[in-house]
C-alpha atoms as a PDB file:
ATOM      1  CA  MET A   1      -6.667 -16.120  26.532  1.00  0.00           C
ATOM      2  CA  GLU A   2      -6.198 -14.528  23.412  1.00  0.00           C
ATOM      3  CA  ASN A   3      -2.766 -16.141  22.636  1.00  0.00           C
ATOM      4  CA  TYR A   4      -4.296 -19.303  23.614  1.00  0.00           C
ATOM      5  CA  ASP A   5      -7.269 -18.656  21.044  1.00  0.00           C
ATOM      6  CA  THR A   6      -4.829 -17.817  18.489  1.00  0.00           C
ATOM      7  CA  SER A   7      -2.946 -21.057  19.135  1.00  0.00           C
ATOM      8  CA  LYS A   8      -6.247 -23.199  18.883  1.00  0.00           C
ATOM      9  CA  LYS A   9      -7.048 -21.541  15.545  1.00  0.00           C
ATOM     10  CA  LEU A  10      -3.816 -22.115  13.822  1.00  0.00           C
ATOM     11  CA  LEU A  11      -3.754 -25.645  15.300  1.00  0.00           C
ATOM     12  CA  SER A  12      -7.080 -26.294  13.889  1.00  0.00           C
ATOM     13  CA  ILE A  13      -6.535 -25.055  10.575  1.00  0.00           C
ATOM     14  CA  TYR A  14      -3.612 -27.212  10.422  1.00  0.00           C
ATOM     15  CA  SER A  15      -5.459 -30.385  11.393  1.00  0.00           C
ATOM     16  CA  ILE A  16      -8.207 -29.798   8.855  1.00  0.00           C
ATOM     17  CA  LEU A  17      -5.734 -29.283   6.098  1.00  0.00           C
ATOM     18  CA  LEU A  18      -3.439 -32.198   7.143  1.00  0.00           C
ATOM     19  CA  ASP A  19      -6.703 -34.325   7.142  1.00  0.00           C
ATOM     20  CA  ARG A  20      -7.910 -33.464   3.879  1.00  0.00           C
ATOM     21  CA  TYR A  21      -4.621 -33.397   2.031  1.00  0.00           C
ATOM     22  CA  GLY A  22      -2.180 -35.854   4.168  1.00  0.00           C
ATOM     23  CA  ASN A  23       1.456 -34.538   4.843  1.00  0.00           C
ATOM     24  CA  ARG A  24       2.647 -33.046   1.702  1.00  0.00           C
ATOM     25  CA  GLY A  25       6.291 -34.480   2.009  1.00  0.00           C
ATOM     26  CA  TRP A  26       7.929 -31.111   1.235  1.00  0.00           C
ATOM     27  CA  TRP A  27      10.845 -30.227   0.236  1.00  0.00           C
ATOM     28  CA  PRO A  28      11.274 -33.060  -2.232  1.00  0.00           C
ATOM     29  CA  ALA A  29      15.021 -33.658  -2.844  1.00  0.00           C
ATOM     30  CA  ASP A  30      17.599 -36.174  -2.645  1.00  0.00           C
ATOM     31  CA  THR A  31      20.045 -34.303  -0.483  1.00  0.00           C
ATOM     32  CA  PRO A  32      20.049 -30.993   1.737  1.00  0.00           C
ATOM     33  CA  PHE A  33      22.413 -29.586  -0.944  1.00  0.00           C
ATOM     34  CA  GLU A  34      19.931 -30.038  -3.723  1.00  0.00           C
ATOM     35  CA  THR A  35      17.168 -28.396  -1.326  1.00  0.00           C
ATOM     36  CA  ILE A  36      19.143 -25.424  -0.955  1.00  0.00           C
ATOM     37  CA  ILE A  37      19.514 -25.327  -4.814  1.00  0.00           C
ATOM     38  CA  GLY A  38      16.210 -25.567  -5.174  1.00  0.00           C
ATOM     39  CA  THR A  39      15.136 -22.946  -2.979  1.00  0.00           C
ATOM     40  CA  ILE A  40      17.170 -20.774  -5.118  1.00  0.00           C
ATOM     41  CA  LEU A  41      15.836 -22.239  -8.438  1.00  0.00           C
ATOM     42  CA  THR A  42      11.912 -21.977  -7.120  1.00  0.00           C
ATOM     43  CA  GLN A  43      12.063 -18.183  -6.857  1.00  0.00           C
ATOM     44  CA  ASN A  44       9.692 -16.642  -9.317  1.00  0.00           C
ATOM     45  CA  VAL A  45       8.744 -19.858 -10.988  1.00  0.00           C
ATOM     46  CA  SER A  46       6.508 -22.935 -10.881  1.00  0.00           C
ATOM     47  CA  TRP A  47       8.487 -26.085  -8.913  1.00  0.00           C
ATOM     48  CA  ASN A  48       8.088 -28.220 -12.282  1.00  0.00           C
ATOM     49  CA  ASN A  49      10.435 -25.814 -13.908  1.00  0.00           C
ATOM     50  CA  ALA A  50      12.555 -25.608 -11.051  1.00  0.00           C
ATOM     51  CA  LYS A  51      12.910 -29.436 -10.900  1.00  0.00           C
ATOM     52  CA  LYS A  52      13.925 -29.441 -14.679  1.00  0.00           C
ATOM     53  CA  ALA A  53      16.814 -27.146 -13.754  1.00  0.00           C
ATOM     54  CA  ILE A  54      17.886 -29.273 -11.065  1.00  0.00           C
ATOM     55  CA  ASP A  55      17.479 -32.297 -13.268  1.00  0.00           C
ATOM     56  CA  ASN A  56      19.811 -30.544 -15.838  1.00  0.00           C
ATOM     57  CA  LEU A  57      22.280 -29.914 -13.313  1.00  0.00           C
ATOM     58  CA  LYS A  58      22.245 -33.912 -11.915  1.00  0.00           C
ATOM     59  CA  MET A  59      22.533 -34.847 -15.549  1.00  0.00           C
ATOM     60  CA  ALA A  60      25.559 -32.401 -16.207  1.00  0.00           C
ATOM     61  CA  LYS A  61      27.001 -33.868 -12.934  1.00  0.00           C
ATOM     62  CA  LEU A  62      26.984 -30.049 -11.697  1.00  0.00           C
ATOM     63  CA  LEU A  63      24.783 -30.712  -8.327  1.00  0.00           C
ATOM     64  CA  ASP A  64      27.828 -30.843  -5.736  1.00  0.00           C
ATOM     65  CA  PRO A  65      29.174 -27.758  -4.160  1.00  0.00           C
ATOM     66  CA  TYR A  66      32.815 -28.328  -4.879  1.00  0.00           C
ATOM     67  CA  ILE A  67      32.177 -28.923  -8.629  1.00  0.00           C
ATOM     68  CA  LEU A  68      29.989 -25.615  -8.697  1.00  0.00           C
ATOM     69  CA  LYS A  69      32.197 -23.801  -6.933  1.00  0.00           C
ATOM     70  CA  ASN A  70      35.066 -24.352  -9.385  1.00  0.00           C
ATOM     71  CA  SER A  71      32.345 -23.950 -12.446  1.00  0.00           C
ATOM     72  CA  GLU A  72      31.830 -20.775 -14.546  1.00  0.00           C
ATOM     73  CA  LEU A  73      28.799 -18.913 -14.398  1.00  0.00           C
ATOM     74  CA  GLY A  74      27.910 -19.546 -18.101  1.00  0.00           C
ATOM     75  CA  CYS A  75      28.246 -23.239 -17.506  1.00  0.00           C
ATOM     76  CA  ILE A  76      25.593 -22.982 -14.720  1.00  0.00           C
ATOM     77  CA  SER A  77      23.218 -20.668 -16.100  1.00  0.00           C
ATOM     78  CA  ARG A  78      22.969 -23.185 -19.305  1.00  0.00           C
ATOM     79  CA  GLN A  79      21.575 -25.884 -17.264  1.00  0.00           C
ATOM     80  CA  ILE A  80      19.218 -23.996 -15.569  1.00  0.00           C
ATOM     81  CA  ILE A  81      17.235 -21.861 -18.319  1.00  0.00           C
ATOM     82  CA  SER A  82      13.886 -23.226 -17.302  1.00  0.00           C
ATOM     83  CA  SER A  83      13.977 -21.669 -14.126  1.00  0.00           C
ATOM     84  CA  ARG A  84      13.889 -18.256 -15.541  1.00  0.00           C
ATOM     85  CA  TYR A  85      16.207 -15.493 -14.654  1.00  0.00           C
ATOM     86  CA  TYR A  86      18.804 -18.056 -14.914  1.00  0.00           C
ATOM     87  CA  ASN A  87      21.789 -15.758 -15.071  1.00  0.00           C
ATOM     88  CA  GLN A  88      20.770 -13.969 -11.779  1.00  0.00           C
ATOM     89  CA  LYS A  89      20.066 -17.563 -10.209  1.00  0.00           C
ATOM     90  CA  ALA A  90      23.232 -18.914 -11.489  1.00  0.00           C
ATOM     91  CA  GLN A  91      25.157 -15.841  -9.722  1.00  0.00           C
ATOM     92  CA  LYS A  92      22.890 -16.750  -6.773  1.00  0.00           C
ATOM     93  CA  ILE A  93      24.068 -20.317  -6.418  1.00  0.00           C
ATOM     94  CA  SER A  94      27.537 -19.516  -6.875  1.00  0.00           C
ATOM     95  CA  THR A  95      27.484 -17.101  -4.223  1.00  0.00           C
ATOM     96  CA  PHE A  96      25.893 -19.376  -1.686  1.00  0.00           C
ATOM     97  CA  VAL A  97      29.033 -22.227  -2.641  1.00  0.00           C
ATOM     98  CA  GLN A  98      31.377 -19.546  -2.071  1.00  0.00           C
ATOM     99  CA  PHE A  99      29.846 -18.645   1.189  1.00  0.00           C
ATOM    100  CA  LEU A 100      29.649 -22.364   2.213  1.00  0.00           C
ATOM    101  CA  TYR A 101      33.364 -22.908   1.448  1.00  0.00           C
ATOM    102  CA  SER A 102      34.454 -19.652   3.285  1.00  0.00           C
ATOM    103  CA  GLU A 103      32.573 -19.837   6.089  1.00  0.00           C
ATOM    104  CA  TYR A 104      32.140 -23.795   6.529  1.00  0.00           C
ATOM    105  CA  ASN A 105      34.808 -25.312   4.381  1.00  0.00           C
ATOM    106  CA  GLY A 106      32.158 -26.526   2.131  1.00  0.00           C
ATOM    107  CA  ASN A 107      30.642 -28.744   4.834  1.00  0.00           C
ATOM    108  CA  LEU A 108      26.714 -28.302   5.172  1.00  0.00           C
ATOM    109  CA  ASP A 109      27.013 -30.318   8.438  1.00  0.00           C
ATOM    110  CA  LEU A 110      28.972 -27.663   9.879  1.00  0.00           C
ATOM    111  CA  MET A 111      26.556 -24.912   8.782  1.00  0.00           C
ATOM    112  CA  VAL A 112      23.617 -26.713  10.483  1.00  0.00           C
ATOM    113  CA  LEU A 113      25.454 -26.305  13.561  1.00  0.00           C
ATOM    114  CA  GLU A 114      25.697 -22.579  13.456  1.00  0.00           C
ATOM    115  CA  ASP A 115      23.324 -20.751  16.069  1.00  0.00           C
ATOM    116  CA  LEU A 116      20.271 -20.206  14.282  1.00  0.00           C
ATOM    117  CA  PRO A 117      20.171 -16.365  14.429  1.00  0.00           C
ATOM    118  CA  ILE A 118      23.641 -15.959  13.440  1.00  0.00           C
ATOM    119  CA  LEU A 119      23.410 -18.390  10.542  1.00  0.00           C
ATOM    120  CA  ARG A 120      20.095 -16.405   9.517  1.00  0.00           C
ATOM    121  CA  LYS A 121      21.883 -13.016   9.685  1.00  0.00           C
ATOM    122  CA  LYS A 122      24.699 -14.545   7.516  1.00  0.00           C
ATOM    123  CA  LEU A 123      22.624 -15.574   4.831  1.00  0.00           C
ATOM    124  CA  LEU A 124      20.603 -12.781   4.786  1.00  0.00           C
ATOM    125  CA  SER A 125      23.576 -10.640   3.953  1.00  0.00           C
ATOM    126  CA  LEU A 126      24.306 -12.499   0.655  1.00  0.00           C
ATOM    127  CA  LYS A 127      23.253 -10.658  -2.341  1.00  0.00           C
ATOM    128  CA  GLY A 128      20.118 -11.574  -3.755  1.00  0.00           C
ATOM    129  CA  PHE A 129      19.040 -13.846  -0.802  1.00  0.00           C
ATOM    130  CA  GLY A 130      15.873 -12.353   0.785  1.00  0.00           C
ATOM    131  CA  GLU A 131      14.068 -13.932   3.878  1.00  0.00           C
ATOM    132  CA  GLU A 132      11.767 -16.462   2.220  1.00  0.00           C
ATOM    133  CA  THR A 133      14.448 -17.968   0.682  1.00  0.00           C
ATOM    134  CA  VAL A 134      16.787 -17.815   3.490  1.00  0.00           C
ATOM    135  CA  ASP A 135      14.253 -19.371   6.057  1.00  0.00           C
ATOM    136  CA  SER A 136      13.524 -22.265   3.317  1.00  0.00           C
ATOM    137  CA  ILE A 137      17.334 -22.980   3.295  1.00  0.00           C
ATOM    138  CA  ILE A 138      17.040 -22.955   7.382  1.00  0.00           C
ATOM    139  CA  LEU A 139      14.148 -25.159   7.646  1.00  0.00           C
ATOM    140  CA  TYR A 140      13.859 -27.602   4.957  1.00  0.00           C
ATOM    141  CA  ALA A 141      17.696 -28.329   4.442  1.00  0.00           C
ATOM    142  CA  CYS A 142      19.163 -27.249   7.850  1.00  0.00           C
ATOM    143  CA  ASN A 143      15.800 -28.521   9.774  1.00  0.00           C
ATOM    144  CA  LEU A 144      16.185 -25.795  12.521  1.00  0.00           C
ATOM    145  CA  PRO A 145      12.729 -24.659  13.451  1.00  0.00           C
ATOM    146  CA  ILE A 146      11.873 -21.470  11.726  1.00  0.00           C
ATOM    147  CA  PHE A 147       8.564 -20.681   9.911  1.00  0.00           C
ATOM    148  CA  VAL A 148       8.797 -19.831   6.079  1.00  0.00           C
ATOM    149  CA  VAL A 149       6.127 -16.881   5.037  1.00  0.00           C
ATOM    150  CA  ASP A 150       5.399 -16.248   1.309  1.00  0.00           C
ATOM    151  CA  SER A 151       2.627 -14.612  -0.436  1.00  0.00           C
ATOM    152  CA  TYR A 152       0.161 -17.674  -0.035  1.00  0.00           C
ATOM    153  CA  THR A 153       0.590 -17.150   3.534  1.00  0.00           C
ATOM    154  CA  LYS A 154      -0.198 -13.477   3.636  1.00  0.00           C
ATOM    155  CA  ARG A 155      -2.853 -14.044   1.215  1.00  0.00           C
ATOM    156  CA  ILE A 156      -4.629 -16.651   3.181  1.00  0.00           C
ATOM    157  CA  PHE A 157      -4.108 -15.396   6.658  1.00  0.00           C
ATOM    158  CA  ASN A 158      -5.219 -12.021   5.946  1.00  0.00           C
ATOM    159  CA  ARG A 159      -8.387 -13.127   4.657  1.00  0.00           C
ATOM    160  CA  TYR A 160      -9.009 -14.969   7.803  1.00  0.00           C
ATOM    161  CA  GLY A 161      -8.338 -11.893   9.613  1.00  0.00           C
ATOM    162  CA  PHE A 162      -5.303 -12.649  11.371  1.00  0.00           C
ATOM    163  CA  PHE A 163      -3.099  -9.584  10.082  1.00  0.00           C
ATOM    164  CA  SER A 164      -3.403  -6.335   7.798  1.00  0.00           C
ATOM    165  CA  GLU A 165      -3.228  -6.714   4.032  1.00  0.00           C
ATOM    166  CA  ASN A 166       0.094  -4.669   4.608  1.00  0.00           C
ATOM    167  CA  CYS A 167       1.655  -6.624   7.210  1.00  0.00           C
ATOM    168  CA  GLN A 168       5.477  -7.124   7.262  1.00  0.00           C
ATOM    169  CA  TYR A 169       7.391 -10.472   6.756  1.00  0.00           C
ATOM    170  CA  SER A 170       8.231 -10.422  10.562  1.00  0.00           C
ATOM    171  CA  GLU A 171       4.954 -10.031  11.742  1.00  0.00           C
ATOM    172  CA  VAL A 172       3.298 -12.908  10.019  1.00  0.00           C
ATOM    173  CA  GLN A 173       6.348 -14.902  10.759  1.00  0.00           C
ATOM    174  CA  CYS A 174       6.056 -13.972  14.651  1.00  0.00           C
ATOM    175  CA  LEU A 175       2.058 -15.151  14.520  1.00  0.00           C
ATOM    176  CA  PHE A 176       2.935 -18.485  13.845  1.00  0.00           C
ATOM    177  CA  THR A 177       6.209 -19.178  15.959  1.00  0.00           C
ATOM    178  CA  LEU A 178       4.638 -17.260  19.097  1.00  0.00           C
ATOM    179  CA  HIS A 179       1.550 -19.350  18.928  1.00  0.00           C
ATOM    180  CA  LEU A 180       2.667 -22.785  17.454  1.00  0.00           C
ATOM    181  CA  PRO A 181       4.931 -25.563  19.030  1.00  0.00           C
ATOM    182  CA  LYS A 182       8.370 -24.993  18.038  1.00  0.00           C
ATOM    183  CA  ASP A 183       8.593 -28.094  16.009  1.00  0.00           C
ATOM    184  CA  VAL A 184      10.502 -28.491  12.696  1.00  0.00           C
ATOM    185  CA  LYS A 185       8.009 -31.240  11.216  1.00  0.00           C
ATOM    186  CA  LEU A 186       5.200 -28.840  12.057  1.00  0.00           C
ATOM    187  CA  TYR A 187       6.524 -25.905  10.540  1.00  0.00           C
ATOM    188  CA  ASN A 188       7.675 -27.781   7.488  1.00  0.00           C
ATOM    189  CA  ASP A 189       4.217 -29.360   6.716  1.00  0.00           C
ATOM    190  CA  TYR A 190       2.229 -26.407   7.679  1.00  0.00           C
ATOM    191  CA  HIS A 191       3.864 -24.282   5.265  1.00  0.00           C
ATOM    192  CA  ALA A 192       3.511 -26.968   2.312  1.00  0.00           C
ATOM    193  CA  GLN A 193       0.024 -27.134   3.188  1.00  0.00           C
ATOM    194  CA  ILE A 194      -0.377 -23.399   3.115  1.00  0.00           C
ATOM    195  CA  VAL A 195       1.768 -23.610  -0.233  1.00  0.00           C
ATOM    196  CA  ASN A 196      -0.877 -26.043  -1.651  1.00  0.00           C
ATOM    197  CA  LEU A 197      -3.940 -24.463  -0.389  1.00  0.00           C
ATOM    198  CA  GLY A 198      -2.778 -21.080  -2.022  1.00  0.00           C
ATOM    199  CA  ASN A 199      -2.041 -22.707  -5.508  1.00  0.00           C
ATOM    200  CA  SER A 200      -5.220 -24.912  -5.567  1.00  0.00           C
ATOM    201  CA  ILE A 201      -7.965 -23.096  -4.073  1.00  0.00           C
ATOM    202  CA  CYS A 202      -7.230 -19.712  -2.317  1.00  0.00           C
ATOM    203  CA  LYS A 203      -5.975 -18.014  -5.254  1.00  0.00           C
ATOM    204  CA  ILE A 204      -6.093 -14.233  -6.236  1.00  0.00           C
ATOM    205  CA  HIS A 205      -9.581 -15.340  -7.458  1.00  0.00           C
ATOM    206  CA  PRO A 206     -10.194 -17.994  -5.250  1.00  0.00           C
ATOM    207  CA  THR A 207     -12.974 -20.901  -5.413  1.00  0.00           C
ATOM    208  CA  CYS A 208     -13.871 -20.517  -1.748  1.00  0.00           C
ATOM    209  CA  TYR A 209     -16.967 -23.211  -1.875  1.00  0.00           C
ATOM    210  CA  LEU A 210     -14.012 -25.656  -2.263  1.00  0.00           C
ATOM    211  CA  CYS A 211     -11.835 -24.579   0.844  1.00  0.00           C
ATOM    212  CA  PRO A 212     -11.602 -26.987   3.362  1.00  0.00           C
ATOM    213  CA  ILE A 213     -11.236 -24.363   6.249  1.00  0.00           C
ATOM    214  CA  ARG A 214     -14.011 -21.892   5.252  1.00  0.00           C
ATOM    215  CA  ALA A 215     -15.888 -20.876   8.339  1.00  0.00           C
ATOM    216  CA  ILE A 216     -14.380 -24.028  10.630  1.00  0.00           C
ATOM    217  CA  ALA A 217     -14.975 -22.521  13.905  1.00  0.00           C
ATOM    218  CA  PRO A 218     -16.251 -19.503  15.727  1.00  0.00           C
ATOM    219  CA  GLY A 219     -13.920 -16.809  15.331  1.00  0.00           C
ATOM    220  CA  ILE A 220     -12.588 -18.239  11.977  1.00  0.00           C
ATOM    221  CA  GLU A 221     -14.228 -16.853   8.931  1.00  0.00           C
ATOM    222  CA  CYS A 222     -12.858 -15.943   5.572  1.00  0.00           C
ATOM    223  CA  GLU A 223     -13.676 -12.307   4.703  1.00  0.00           C
ATOM    224  CA  TYR A 224     -13.182 -12.798   1.124  1.00  0.00           C
ATOM    225  CA  SER A 225     -16.142 -15.271   0.729  1.00  0.00           C
ATOM    226  CA  LYS A 226     -18.243 -13.383   3.384  1.00  0.00           C
ATOM    227  CA  VAL A 227     -17.969 -10.192   1.907  1.00  0.00           C
ATOM    228  CA  ARG A 228     -18.703 -11.705  -1.610  1.00  0.00           C
ATOM    229  CA  LYS A 229     -21.460 -14.195  -0.120  1.00  0.00           C
ATOM    230  CA  ILE A 230     -19.792 -16.914  -1.719  1.00  0.00           C
END
């Protein structure tokens, strides 16, 4: 019964967010490879600044795995300055492209065919690639069913009492994968809805009176707003 109730709560939250904001259409990109580069560039920076970097790579005709494989790091980093930490991110882009060629002959279609747990393990072994980045690549670029967790996910669902404040990435991820249908489109848009809610309303200092999922059903109540009587 507990598992059933958790599933109902999670699906109820998603349904309300979808009704309020519509499908978020995430990740915006022309190709899966562009999505992967975007996941690297958006680390620790706003999407607008990451997009500027992607557009610069396009204009410089660098947004191609073969060209990037043969490009100097300085050439890459000059195009992605808007993304912050551009030298480190240029190295991560190079690391991924070298991996793509060494493991899959530069073919993303072959990478997608890899068994999901094996692909995740391989990507996590790359220097500078953490769980959120790797899972974003797997979900948004490879269209494989894995739930992406970020700081917004932890903040929102901690406030709604689903887990403790100091929970691990894997614990949060399991909450969704164990209680939601294993569906790429659902995982995709649910995460996008969470990001939108966390970025616009459920901030560190939230505007709780605007939150569409505040006290939506018995057993789902935001601890933040309840304690502060917002």
